[in-house]
Amino acid sequence: MGRPSATCAALAYNRMIHFYFLALLFSPCCVAPVSETFTVSVKSPVSVQRGHTAILPCWLTSSQNAEDMEVRWYQGSDEYDTPALLYKEKAFDYSSQKASFAGRVSFGLKEETSGGLQAGDVSLKLEKATIEDIGTYTCYVSSSVAYSSASVSLTVTETGRSPLLSAVMKDDNKVNLSCQSDGWYPKPELSWSDNKTALTPANVMFSRISAGFYSVHSWVLVSSPSEVSCSVGLFNEEPKEARMRLENPSSLQEESGSSAGWVAFGTLLVFMLAAFGALYFLYYRKKGNKSGNDTTDGANLTNIPEENEPLLSKATRQPAALLEASKHYVNVQLVDTGNPLIKMKDSILRDNADAKFPDGDRVTCLTAVRGSPGFSSGRHYWEVSLEFFDNEQKMTLIKKSWWIGVTDKHEIPHDERLSPTTKNGFWFLSSCPNQEDTLQFSTEPETFIYVQSKPKTVGVYLDFDNRKLSFYNVEEKCLIGSLAAEFTGELFPLFNPGKGDIGTMKILQRPVQNQSINT
């Protein structure tokens, strides 16, 4: 009788275990890990310009709601504890945030139609990107039972300034052309062309300043006359280009005409500030020693070839040319049109600091002034002083913002959208914003010129019949540069005092009996 009782007990026990196993199998706690499992996906790499906003895409492939999850973005491999962004318990946690990201990060959308956190989009929005932001970012998402992560590579770029071209005349109609541009990140690509074929430069040098940006400098020896361009840009971006037309010095006076806006640099010498003193000294020391060795002493010159030595030549200092130009001196008068954006008294001109400029900080035709008389033939020369006395500093300074040249406009258009270039009837030399050692012509594209010292007085020489406009540094008695163009109709002197500059510009007047410069 005992055996049947034991068998029934065993069967009851087995059924109880069976039902307990089924209960565990179908209970919610067992199926939760399956429903909560997710995978993080990203899109990499990401590139953004410095100062702009970057979106680092990251999302849950199952499009699960991420509002109740923890999202952590951190830079590098060892900054988990100091994240760029930390979201948990449905709120941002800034207690351990890396200081450099404060106020610049939030959730973004990987695309405009994204549903945000509710749709599993946990993308990082990084504003005002800096060079220091470059690196690898980890998108780490976790829930109570699962986690996943992936990395995004961020590159921050900076587009530098337009190339600056300078020319040094050599023997046998050769010209050593230099191209320099700075403010780039990462290293830019530089190329030369003569409109027909690519030119091989003598060298391409890079340097990096403390802010992390790159400067590039290159030079090439070309024949004159020729048209040469230098392009600088980043990979997969539109490059910036500067173009120069080089003329034979002997042909400039005989030239019957050329395209408006091309720069005649046959007698132009522009040199680099940093290297000038040392190279000039070493050149004459080497010449005095009459040594057959072409190498120079000093490690700081090892990367500069002899062709690039910006030596003072007869083409630069031209007291005779300036004296000849000054024989055609004319007293130019300002035409007062009652423009409220400028202040004018006799021959003195400046901007009206109290005025509200509709064109913002840009210098446009709104502050330009025409002079009289007009010219339709002959040779004419006038001078403009850029020196002024600052009462606060008790010293003489040089004006920073200005245009000086000619125009074919009988009335200056009051249109800030008008591009004042040679193609539109404006031929002038001007200061270059934020570059005190540089001037520029109103060509299209712009032509930039390095200068050793800022001119205190600019001499303007219009040779209408030979279609040539030249600008001189009067104190240095040297040519700054010349423009060759097809002048038609009547030309008028042009002036612009710029804006945001307390300095004045003064059109110098001379007695009729003293119409030549004292050399």
Protein backbone atom coordinates (compact mmCIF):
# COMPACT_ATOMS: atom_id res chain seq x y z
CA MET A 1 0.00 0.00 0.00
CA GLY A 2 2.96 2.36 0.62
CA ARG A 3 4.26 2.15 -2.96
CA PRO A 4 1.17 3.72 -4.63
CA SER A 5 1.24 6.64 -2.15
CA ALA A 6 4.91 7.37 -3.06
CA THR A 7 4.13 7.26 -6.77
CA CYS A 8 1.25 9.75 -6.45
CA ALA A 9 3.43 12.12 -4.46
CA ALA A 10 6.16 11.97 -7.09
CA LEU A 11 3.73 12.70 -9.89
CA ALA A 12 2.30 15.68 -8.01
CA TYR A 13 5.80 17.03 -7.45
CA ASN A 14 6.71 16.66 -11.14
CA ARG A 15 3.56 18.48 -12.24
CA MET A 16 4.35 21.32 -9.83
CA ILE A 17 7.86 21.69 -11.27
CA HIS A 18 6.45 21.59 -14.80
CA PHE A 19 3.93 24.37 -14.11
CA TYR A 20 6.58 26.45 -12.29
CA PHE A 21 8.90 26.14 -15.33
CA LEU A 22 6.10 27.23 -17.67
CA ALA A 23 5.32 30.18 -15.42
CA LEU A 24 8.95 31.29 -15.52
CA LEU A 25 9.14 30.80 -19.25
CA PHE A 26 6.17 33.06 -19.98
CA SER A 27 6.65 35.58 -17.17
CA PRO A 28 7.37 39.25 -18.19
CA CYS A 29 10.79 39.32 -16.50
CA CYS A 30 12.12 36.72 -18.88
CA VAL A 31 11.01 38.36 -22.13
CA ALA A 32 12.14 41.92 -21.13
CA PRO A 33 15.77 41.59 -22.30
CA VAL A 34 14.53 40.60 -25.74
CA SER A 35 12.23 43.64 -26.14
CA GLU A 36 14.77 46.10 -24.66
CA THR A 37 17.76 45.10 -26.80
CA PHE A 38 18.89 47.84 -29.22
CA THR A 39 21.80 48.82 -31.45
CA VAL A 40 23.29 52.29 -31.95
CA SER A 41 24.12 53.48 -35.47
CA VAL A 42 26.05 56.58 -36.54
CA LYS A 43 27.09 58.46 -39.65
CA SER A 44 30.80 59.27 -39.83
CA PRO A 45 32.86 61.29 -40.58
CA VAL A 46 31.34 64.74 -40.10
CA SER A 47 32.96 67.96 -41.35
CA VAL A 48 32.01 71.51 -40.35
CA GLN A 49 33.47 74.97 -40.82
CA ARG A 50 34.86 76.68 -37.74
CA GLY A 51 32.21 78.76 -36.02
CA HIS A 52 29.33 76.84 -37.58
CA THR A 53 27.02 74.20 -36.10
CA ALA A 54 27.75 70.49 -36.47
CA ILE A 55 25.29 67.61 -36.17
CA LEU A 56 26.83 64.28 -35.15
CA PRO A 57 24.18 61.73 -36.23
CA CYS A 58 23.41 58.86 -33.83
CA TRP A 59 20.22 56.80 -33.57
CA LEU A 60 18.72 53.52 -32.36
CA THR A 61 18.25 51.20 -35.32
CA SER A 62 14.99 49.88 -33.88
CA SER A 63 13.61 53.44 -33.56
CA GLN A 64 12.82 52.78 -29.91
CA ASN A 65 11.81 55.64 -27.65
CA ALA A 66 14.97 56.92 -25.91
CA GLU A 67 13.32 59.34 -23.50
CA ASP A 68 13.78 56.96 -20.55
CA MET A 69 17.32 55.95 -21.49
CA GLU A 70 20.69 57.42 -20.56
CA VAL A 71 22.58 59.12 -23.40
CA ARG A 72 26.23 60.06 -22.99
CA TRP A 73 28.40 61.82 -25.61
CA TYR A 74 32.10 62.12 -24.85
CA GLN A 75 35.20 63.14 -26.78
CA GLY A 76 38.20 60.86 -27.07
CA SER A 77 38.64 57.48 -25.43
CA ASP A 78 39.34 58.53 -21.85
CA GLU A 79 36.77 61.26 -21.18
CA TYR A 80 33.77 59.09 -20.27
CA ASP A 81 33.52 60.79 -16.87
CA THR A 82 33.65 64.33 -18.35
CA PRO A 83 31.12 64.10 -21.18
CA ALA A 84 30.24 66.74 -23.71
CA LEU A 85 26.58 65.91 -23.06
CA LEU A 86 24.87 63.69 -20.48
CA TYR A 87 21.13 62.96 -20.49
CA LYS A 88 19.57 60.75 -17.83
CA GLU A 89 16.34 60.50 -15.91
CA LYS A 90 14.68 62.59 -18.63
CA ALA A 91 16.91 65.62 -18.02
CA PHE A 92 20.35 66.99 -18.89
CA ASP A 93 23.03 66.56 -16.25
CA TYR A 94 25.71 69.27 -16.38
CA SER A 95 27.47 68.37 -13.12
CA SER A 96 30.37 66.58 -14.82
CA GLN A 97 30.26 68.25 -18.25
CA LYS A 98 33.59 69.19 -19.85
CA ALA A 99 33.90 72.98 -19.52
CA SER A 100 34.73 73.63 -23.18
CA PHE A 101 31.29 72.34 -24.25
CA ALA A 102 29.25 74.42 -21.80
CA GLY A 103 26.37 76.19 -23.54
CA ARG A 104 27.21 74.72 -26.94
CA VAL A 105 25.66 71.23 -26.95
CA SER A 106 22.14 69.80 -27.10
CA PHE A 107 20.21 67.12 -28.94
CA GLY A 108 19.88 67.64 -32.67
CA LEU A 109 18.12 65.90 -35.52
CA LYS A 110 19.96 63.63 -37.94
CA GLU A 111 17.47 64.76 -40.58
CA GLU A 112 14.57 67.21 -40.72
CA THR A 113 11.92 64.47 -40.62
CA SER A 114 13.43 62.78 -37.57
CA GLY A 115 11.14 62.27 -34.61
CA GLY A 116 13.80 63.14 -32.04
CA LEU A 117 14.19 61.18 -28.81
CA GLN A 118 10.81 59.55 -29.14
CA ALA A 119 11.97 57.95 -32.38
CA GLY A 120 15.39 56.99 -31.01
CA ASP A 121 17.31 59.95 -32.52
CA VAL A 122 20.02 60.90 -30.01
CA SER A 123 22.19 63.01 -32.37
CA LEU A 124 24.52 65.61 -30.86
CA LYS A 125 24.20 69.27 -31.88
CA LEU A 126 27.48 71.15 -31.39
CA GLU A 127 27.38 74.91 -31.93
CA LYS A 128 30.23 77.34 -32.68
CA ALA A 129 32.65 74.59 -33.59
CA THR A 130 36.33 75.23 -32.80
CA ILE A 131 39.58 73.64 -33.87
CA GLU A 132 39.80 72.10 -30.39
CA ASP A 133 36.57 70.21 -31.09
CA ILE A 134 38.29 68.02 -33.67
CA GLY A 135 38.38 64.35 -32.71
CA THR A 136 36.39 61.18 -32.18
CA TYR A 137 33.11 61.30 -30.24
CA THR A 138 31.41 58.27 -28.68
CA CYS A 139 27.63 58.02 -28.63
CA TYR A 140 26.82 55.77 -25.63
CA VAL A 141 23.19 54.80 -24.95
CA SER A 142 22.08 52.58 -22.07
CA SER A 143 18.91 51.34 -20.42
CA SER A 144 18.42 49.30 -17.25
CA VAL A 145 19.12 46.04 -19.08
CA ALA A 146 21.15 46.87 -22.22
CA TYR A 147 23.62 49.32 -23.76
CA SER A 148 25.25 50.09 -27.11
CA SER A 149 27.77 52.62 -28.45
CA ALA A 150 29.38 53.84 -31.68
CA SER A 151 31.91 56.54 -32.63
CA VAL A 152 31.74 59.59 -34.91
CA SER A 153 34.79 61.41 -36.29
CA LEU A 154 34.53 65.21 -36.41
CA THR A 155 36.70 67.44 -38.60
CA VAL A 156 36.60 71.23 -38.28
CA THR A 157 37.83 73.27 -41.24
CA GLU A 158 38.71 76.92 -41.68
CA THR A 159 38.77 78.68 -45.03
CA GLY A 160 41.70 81.06 -45.18
CA ARG A 161 42.20 84.39 -46.90
CA SER A 162 42.45 84.93 -50.62
CA PRO A 163 46.00 84.45 -51.90
CA LEU A 164 48.30 87.45 -51.95
CA LEU A 165 50.50 87.74 -55.03
CA SER A 166 53.75 89.67 -55.27
CA ALA A 167 56.25 89.96 -58.08
CA VAL A 168 59.98 90.57 -58.32
CA MET A 169 61.51 91.35 -61.72
CA LYS A 170 64.57 89.29 -62.62
CA ASP A 171 66.90 89.30 -65.60
CA ASP A 172 65.91 88.17 -69.13
CA ASN A 173 62.23 89.09 -68.70
CA LYS A 174 61.83 86.61 -65.87
CA VAL A 175 59.56 87.32 -62.93
CA ASN A 176 59.69 85.59 -59.57
CA LEU A 177 56.06 85.36 -58.50
CA SER A 178 55.18 84.69 -54.87
CA CYS A 179 51.84 83.46 -53.50
CA GLN A 180 50.90 83.46 -49.84
CA SER A 181 47.69 82.70 -47.98
CA ASP A 182 47.01 82.15 -44.29
CA GLY A 183 44.25 81.18 -41.88
CA TRP A 184 43.62 77.61 -43.15
CA TYR A 185 42.78 74.35 -41.42
CA PRO A 186 43.77 71.66 -42.19
CA LYS A 187 46.67 72.16 -44.60
CA PRO A 188 45.36 73.58 -47.88
CA GLU A 189 46.34 72.60 -51.40
CA LEU A 190 48.15 75.19 -53.56
CA SER A 191 48.49 75.14 -57.33
CA TRP A 192 49.87 77.44 -60.04
CA SER A 193 48.59 77.85 -63.60
CA ASP A 194 49.35 80.06 -66.59
CA ASN A 195 45.86 79.53 -68.09
CA LYS A 196 47.25 76.83 -70.35
CA THR A 197 49.11 74.36 -68.19
CA ALA A 198 49.85 73.70 -64.56
CA LEU A 199 53.10 75.26 -63.33
CA THR A 200 55.55 73.48 -61.04
CA PRO A 201 56.51 75.77 -58.13
CA ALA A 202 60.04 76.03 -56.77
CA ASN A 203 58.71 75.12 -53.33
CA VAL A 204 55.60 75.02 -51.18
CA MET A 205 56.11 75.85 -47.51
CA PHE A 206 53.69 75.52 -44.62
CA SER A 207 53.81 77.15 -41.21
CA ARG A 208 51.44 76.97 -38.27
CA ILE A 209 50.64 79.75 -35.82
CA SER A 210 49.72 79.36 -32.16
CA ALA A 211 45.98 79.44 -32.95
CA GLY A 212 46.44 76.26 -34.96
CA PHE A 213 45.86 77.68 -38.45
CA TYR A 214 48.15 77.03 -41.40
CA SER A 215 49.87 79.50 -43.70
CA VAL A 216 51.12 78.44 -47.11
CA HIS A 217 53.77 80.17 -49.21
CA SER A 218 54.99 79.25 -52.66
CA TRP A 219 56.86 80.86 -55.52
CA VAL A 220 57.43 80.20 -59.19
CA LEU A 221 59.68 81.70 -61.85
CA VAL A 222 57.75 82.69 -65.00
CA SER A 223 58.39 84.54 -68.22
CA SER A 224 57.02 88.01 -68.81
CA PRO A 225 54.58 88.75 -70.32
CA SER A 226 52.21 86.09 -69.03
CA GLU A 227 49.00 85.59 -67.07
CA VAL A 228 49.44 83.50 -63.96
CA SER A 229 46.99 82.35 -61.29
CA CYS A 230 47.53 80.88 -57.84
CA SER A 231 44.77 78.79 -56.25
CA VAL A 232 44.56 77.75 -52.61
CA GLY A 233 41.82 75.60 -51.11
CA LEU A 234 40.80 72.60 -49.06
CA PHE A 235 40.06 69.18 -50.47
CA ASN A 236 36.56 68.96 -52.00
CA GLU A 237 35.99 72.72 -51.57
CA GLU A 238 36.03 75.57 -54.06
CA PRO A 239 39.52 77.11 -53.97
CA LYS A 240 40.31 80.80 -53.65
CA GLU A 241 42.21 82.26 -56.57
CA ALA A 242 44.35 85.30 -57.28
CA ARG A 243 45.40 86.20 -60.80
CA MET A 244 48.08 88.50 -62.13
CA ARG A 245 48.97 89.72 -65.60
CA LEU A 246 52.67 90.48 -65.99
CA GLU A 247 53.87 92.89 -68.63
CA ASN A 248 57.31 93.63 -70.01
CA PRO A 249 58.55 96.95 -68.57
CA SER A 250 59.56 98.11 -72.05
CA SER A 251 56.10 97.46 -73.47
CA LEU A 252 54.02 99.28 -70.88
CA GLN A 253 54.33 102.69 -72.43
CA GLU A 254 53.61 101.31 -75.91
CA GLU A 255 50.60 99.22 -74.94
CA SER A 256 47.53 100.17 -76.94
CA GLY A 257 45.10 98.59 -74.53
CA SER A 258 44.27 95.56 -72.41
CA SER A 259 41.32 94.03 -70.64
CA ALA A 260 39.83 96.23 -67.97
CA GLY A 261 40.98 95.34 -64.54
CA TRP A 262 44.21 93.44 -65.31
CA VAL A 263 47.15 94.70 -63.31
CA ALA A 264 50.26 95.83 -65.10
CA PHE A 265 53.00 94.77 -62.77
CA GLY A 266 55.97 95.17 -65.10
CA THR A 267 57.60 97.71 -62.80
CA LEU A 268 56.02 96.53 -59.60
CA LEU A 269 58.17 95.26 -56.75
CA VAL A 270 56.37 93.89 -53.76
CA PHE A 271 58.33 92.17 -51.06
CA MET A 272 57.78 90.14 -47.91
CA LEU A 273 58.22 92.04 -44.64
CA ALA A 274 59.84 89.30 -42.62
CA ALA A 275 62.62 88.42 -45.06
CA PHE A 276 63.43 91.79 -46.59
CA GLY A 277 66.01 93.14 -44.13
CA ALA A 278 68.03 89.96 -43.83
CA LEU A 279 68.03 89.20 -47.54
CA TYR A 280 68.95 92.75 -48.51
CA PHE A 281 71.88 92.75 -46.09
CA LEU A 282 73.13 89.31 -47.09
CA TYR A 283 72.90 90.14 -50.77
CA TYR A 284 75.16 93.14 -50.54
CA ARG A 285 77.53 91.38 -48.16
CA LYS A 286 77.83 88.50 -50.65
CA LYS A 287 78.27 90.96 -53.52
CA GLY A 288 80.98 92.82 -51.62
CA ASN A 289 82.89 89.61 -50.92
CA LYS A 290 82.73 88.67 -54.64
CA SER A 291 82.58 85.05 -53.67
CA GLY A 292 81.83 82.35 -56.22
CA ASN A 293 79.79 80.43 -53.64
CA ASP A 294 76.06 81.06 -54.13
CA THR A 295 75.04 79.78 -50.70
CA THR A 296 74.17 82.15 -47.89
CA ASP A 297 75.08 81.99 -44.24
CA GLY A 298 72.32 81.59 -41.68
CA ALA A 299 69.97 78.69 -41.12
CA ASN A 300 66.92 80.93 -41.32
CA LEU A 301 67.47 81.38 -45.07
CA THR A 302 67.93 77.74 -46.07
CA ASN A 303 64.37 77.38 -47.37
CA ILE A 304 64.44 80.55 -49.49
CA PRO A 305 65.91 80.16 -52.99
CA GLU A 306 67.99 82.90 -54.54
CA GLU A 307 65.31 83.58 -57.16
CA ASN A 308 62.95 84.65 -54.40
CA GLU A 309 65.25 87.25 -52.88
CA PRO A 310 63.15 90.45 -52.85
CA LEU A 311 66.04 92.82 -53.50
CA LEU A 312 65.60 96.55 -53.99
CA SER A 313 65.73 97.22 -57.73
CA LYS A 314 65.65 100.23 -60.03
CA ALA A 315 62.07 99.34 -60.89
CA THR A 316 60.89 100.09 -57.37
CA ARG A 317 62.33 103.45 -56.43
CA GLN A 318 61.35 105.77 -59.23
CA PRO A 319 61.98 109.41 -58.27
CA ALA A 320 62.37 110.32 -61.94
CA ALA A 321 59.02 108.74 -62.86
CA LEU A 322 57.32 110.45 -59.94
CA LEU A 323 58.92 113.76 -60.87
CA GLU A 324 57.62 113.40 -64.41
CA ALA A 325 54.14 112.55 -63.15
CA SER A 326 54.09 115.54 -60.80
CA LYS A 327 54.61 117.89 -63.75
CA HIS A 328 50.97 117.19 -64.59
CA TYR A 329 49.66 118.13 -61.13
CA VAL A 330 46.02 119.20 -61.00
CA ASN A 331 44.14 120.52 -57.98
CA VAL A 332 41.19 118.19 -57.52
CA GLN A 333 38.09 119.37 -55.68
CA LEU A 334 35.54 117.22 -53.84
CA VAL A 335 31.97 117.26 -55.18
CA ASP A 336 29.61 117.79 -52.24
CA THR A 337 26.29 116.02 -52.81
CA GLY A 338 25.05 116.41 -49.24
CA ASN A 339 25.65 112.73 -48.42
CA PRO A 340 24.71 112.31 -44.71
CA LEU A 341 27.03 109.30 -44.36
CA ILE A 342 30.18 111.39 -44.76
CA LYS A 343 31.65 114.63 -43.46
CA MET A 344 33.33 116.99 -45.89
CA LYS A 345 35.09 120.30 -45.34
CA ASP A 346 37.07 121.91 -48.13
CA SER A 347 39.47 119.14 -49.22
CA ILE A 348 39.14 117.00 -46.07
CA LEU A 349 36.92 113.92 -46.01
CA ARG A 350 35.88 111.31 -43.44
CA ASP A 351 32.90 109.13 -42.56
CA ASN A 352 30.09 110.35 -40.33
CA ALA A 353 30.51 108.34 -37.14
CA ASP A 354 27.02 109.36 -35.98
CA ALA A 355 25.29 108.08 -39.10
CA LYS A 356 23.45 104.77 -39.37
CA PHE A 357 24.96 102.86 -42.27
CA PRO A 358 22.46 100.71 -44.23
CA ASP A 359 25.34 98.61 -45.59
CA GLY A 360 26.64 97.59 -42.15
CA ASP A 361 30.38 97.37 -41.65
CA ARG A 362 31.16 96.90 -45.36
CA VAL A 363 32.78 99.73 -47.27
CA THR A 364 30.61 100.34 -50.33
CA CYS A 365 29.73 103.08 -52.80
CA LEU A 366 27.46 104.66 -50.20
CA THR A 367 30.44 106.53 -48.74
CA ALA A 368 32.23 107.18 -52.05
CA VAL A 369 32.77 110.72 -53.34
CA ARG A 370 33.49 111.97 -56.85
CA GLY A 371 36.06 114.66 -57.55
CA SER A 372 36.32 117.29 -60.22
CA PRO A 373 37.38 118.12 -62.85
CA GLY A 374 36.81 115.15 -65.14
CA PHE A 375 39.34 113.95 -67.71
CA SER A 376 38.86 112.53 -71.19
CA SER A 377 42.46 112.83 -72.47
CA GLY A 378 45.96 113.80 -71.42
CA ARG A 379 47.99 113.18 -68.26
CA HIS A 380 46.90 114.21 -64.78
CA TYR A 381 48.39 113.78 -61.29
CA TRP A 382 47.06 114.49 -57.80
CA GLU A 383 47.92 113.49 -54.24
CA VAL A 384 45.93 112.37 -51.21
CA SER A 385 47.27 112.56 -47.67
CA LEU A 386 46.30 109.76 -45.28
CA GLU A 387 48.08 111.23 -42.25
CA PHE A 388 46.11 112.82 -39.43
CA PHE A 389 46.75 113.98 -35.86
CA ASP A 390 44.99 112.00 -33.12
CA ASN A 391 44.18 114.41 -30.29
CA GLU A 392 43.63 111.60 -27.79
CA GLN A 393 46.94 109.86 -28.43
CA LYS A 394 48.72 113.14 -29.18
CA MET A 395 50.46 111.67 -32.20
CA THR A 396 50.29 111.47 -35.97
CA LEU A 397 48.65 108.32 -37.35
CA ILE A 398 47.85 106.87 -40.77
CA LYS A 399 44.27 106.31 -41.90
CA LYS A 400 43.28 102.63 -42.00
CA SER A 401 40.26 102.56 -44.34
CA TRP A 402 40.18 104.25 -47.77
CA TRP A 403 39.70 104.06 -51.56
CA ILE A 404 41.65 106.24 -53.99
CA GLY A 405 41.30 106.09 -57.77
CA VAL A 406 39.00 107.06 -60.65
CA THR A 407 35.52 106.23 -61.92
CA ASP A 408 33.54 106.78 -65.09
CA LYS A 409 30.37 107.56 -63.09
CA HIS A 410 29.12 111.14 -63.33
CA GLU A 411 27.16 110.36 -60.15
CA ILE A 412 28.18 107.70 -57.65
CA PRO A 413 25.34 105.13 -57.43
CA HIS A 414 23.89 104.96 -53.92
CA ASP A 415 23.55 101.20 -54.09
CA GLU A 416 25.38 99.02 -51.56
CA ARG A 417 24.75 95.98 -53.79
CA LEU A 418 26.84 97.39 -56.64
CA SER A 419 30.21 95.69 -56.95
CA PRO A 420 32.76 98.52 -57.37
CA THR A 421 35.19 96.72 -59.66
CA THR A 422 37.06 97.58 -62.83
CA LYS A 423 34.37 95.77 -64.82
CA ASN A 424 31.80 98.24 -63.46
CA GLY A 425 33.80 101.40 -64.07
CA PHE A 426 35.75 101.71 -60.79
CA TRP A 427 39.56 101.67 -60.89
CA PHE A 428 41.06 102.23 -57.45
CA LEU A 429 43.63 101.24 -54.85
CA SER A 430 42.34 100.60 -51.34
CA SER A 431 43.28 99.50 -47.88
CA CYS A 432 42.76 95.83 -47.09
CA PRO A 433 40.49 94.99 -44.11
CA ASN A 434 42.38 93.52 -41.14
CA GLN A 435 45.68 93.37 -43.07
CA GLU A 436 47.73 96.48 -42.43
CA ASP A 437 50.67 95.33 -44.56
CA THR A 438 48.48 94.76 -47.61
CA LEU A 439 46.76 96.93 -50.22
CA GLN A 440 44.41 95.78 -52.96
CA PHE A 441 43.19 96.74 -56.41
CA SER A 442 39.52 96.76 -57.44
CA THR A 443 40.06 94.01 -59.98
CA GLU A 444 37.88 90.92 -60.21
CA PRO A 445 39.09 88.73 -58.65
CA GLU A 446 40.91 91.02 -56.26
CA THR A 447 44.64 91.60 -56.59
CA PHE A 448 46.47 91.96 -53.28
CA ILE A 449 49.79 93.73 -52.79
CA TYR A 450 52.25 93.44 -49.92
CA VAL A 451 53.79 96.75 -48.86
CA GLN A 452 56.78 97.31 -46.62
CA SER A 453 55.24 100.42 -45.09
CA LYS A 454 51.82 101.98 -45.33
CA PRO A 455 51.80 105.05 -47.58
CA LYS A 456 51.32 108.38 -45.84
CA THR A 457 50.59 110.12 -49.12
CA VAL A 458 49.31 108.41 -52.26
CA GLY A 459 50.08 109.94 -55.64
CA VAL A 460 47.62 109.17 -58.46
CA TYR A 461 48.85 109.44 -62.06
CA LEU A 462 46.28 109.05 -64.83
CA ASP A 463 47.76 108.65 -68.31
CA PHE A 464 44.48 108.59 -70.20
CA ASP A 465 45.88 108.32 -73.72
CA ASN A 466 48.12 105.37 -72.83
CA ARG A 467 45.30 103.78 -70.79
CA LYS A 468 47.28 103.54 -67.59
CA LEU A 469 46.56 104.45 -63.95
CA SER A 470 49.51 104.40 -61.52
CA PHE A 471 49.74 104.82 -57.77
CA TYR A 472 52.83 106.06 -55.93
CA ASN A 473 54.05 106.11 -52.34
CA VAL A 474 55.08 109.76 -52.37
CA GLU A 475 57.32 109.71 -49.28
CA GLU A 476 59.20 106.62 -50.49
CA LYS A 477 59.18 107.90 -54.10
CA CYS A 478 58.24 104.42 -55.32
CA LEU A 479 55.56 102.87 -57.47
CA ILE A 480 52.91 100.88 -55.61
CA GLY A 481 51.27 99.46 -58.72
CA SER A 482 49.58 100.24 -62.03
CA LEU A 483 46.30 99.37 -63.71
CA ALA A 484 46.02 99.10 -67.49
CA ALA A 485 42.51 99.46 -68.91
CA GLU A 486 40.41 100.54 -71.87
CA PHE A 487 39.28 103.96 -70.65
CA THR A 488 36.34 105.42 -72.57
CA GLY A 489 34.38 108.58 -72.03
CA GLU A 490 35.16 110.84 -69.09
CA LEU A 491 36.92 109.79 -65.89
CA PHE A 492 36.59 111.46 -62.48
CA PRO A 493 38.76 111.25 -59.36
CA LEU A 494 37.28 108.86 -56.78
CA PHE A 495 37.61 108.92 -53.00
CA ASN A 496 36.12 106.88 -50.17
CA PRO A 497 36.93 107.52 -46.48
CA GLY A 498 35.71 104.05 -45.49
CA LYS A 499 34.03 103.67 -42.13
CA GLY A 500 34.83 103.00 -38.51
CA ASP A 501 38.03 105.00 -38.91
CA ILE A 502 38.57 108.29 -37.07
CA GLY A 503 41.22 109.25 -39.60
CA THR A 504 40.67 111.78 -42.37
CA MET A 505 41.86 111.86 -45.96
CA LYS A 506 42.92 115.16 -47.49
CA ILE A 507 43.22 116.00 -51.17
CA LEU A 508 46.38 118.09 -51.34
CA GLN A 509 46.27 121.42 -53.14
CA ARG A 510 49.30 123.13 -54.69
CA PRO A 511 49.87 126.66 -55.89
CA VAL A 512 49.62 126.91 -59.65
CA GLN A 513 53.25 128.02 -59.93
CA ASN A 514 54.48 125.00 -57.91
CA GLN A 515 53.07 122.03 -59.79
CA SER A 516 56.07 119.70 -59.40
CA ILE A 517 57.36 117.65 -56.51
CA ASN A 518 60.53 118.54 -54.66
CA THR A 519 62.90 115.59 -54.89
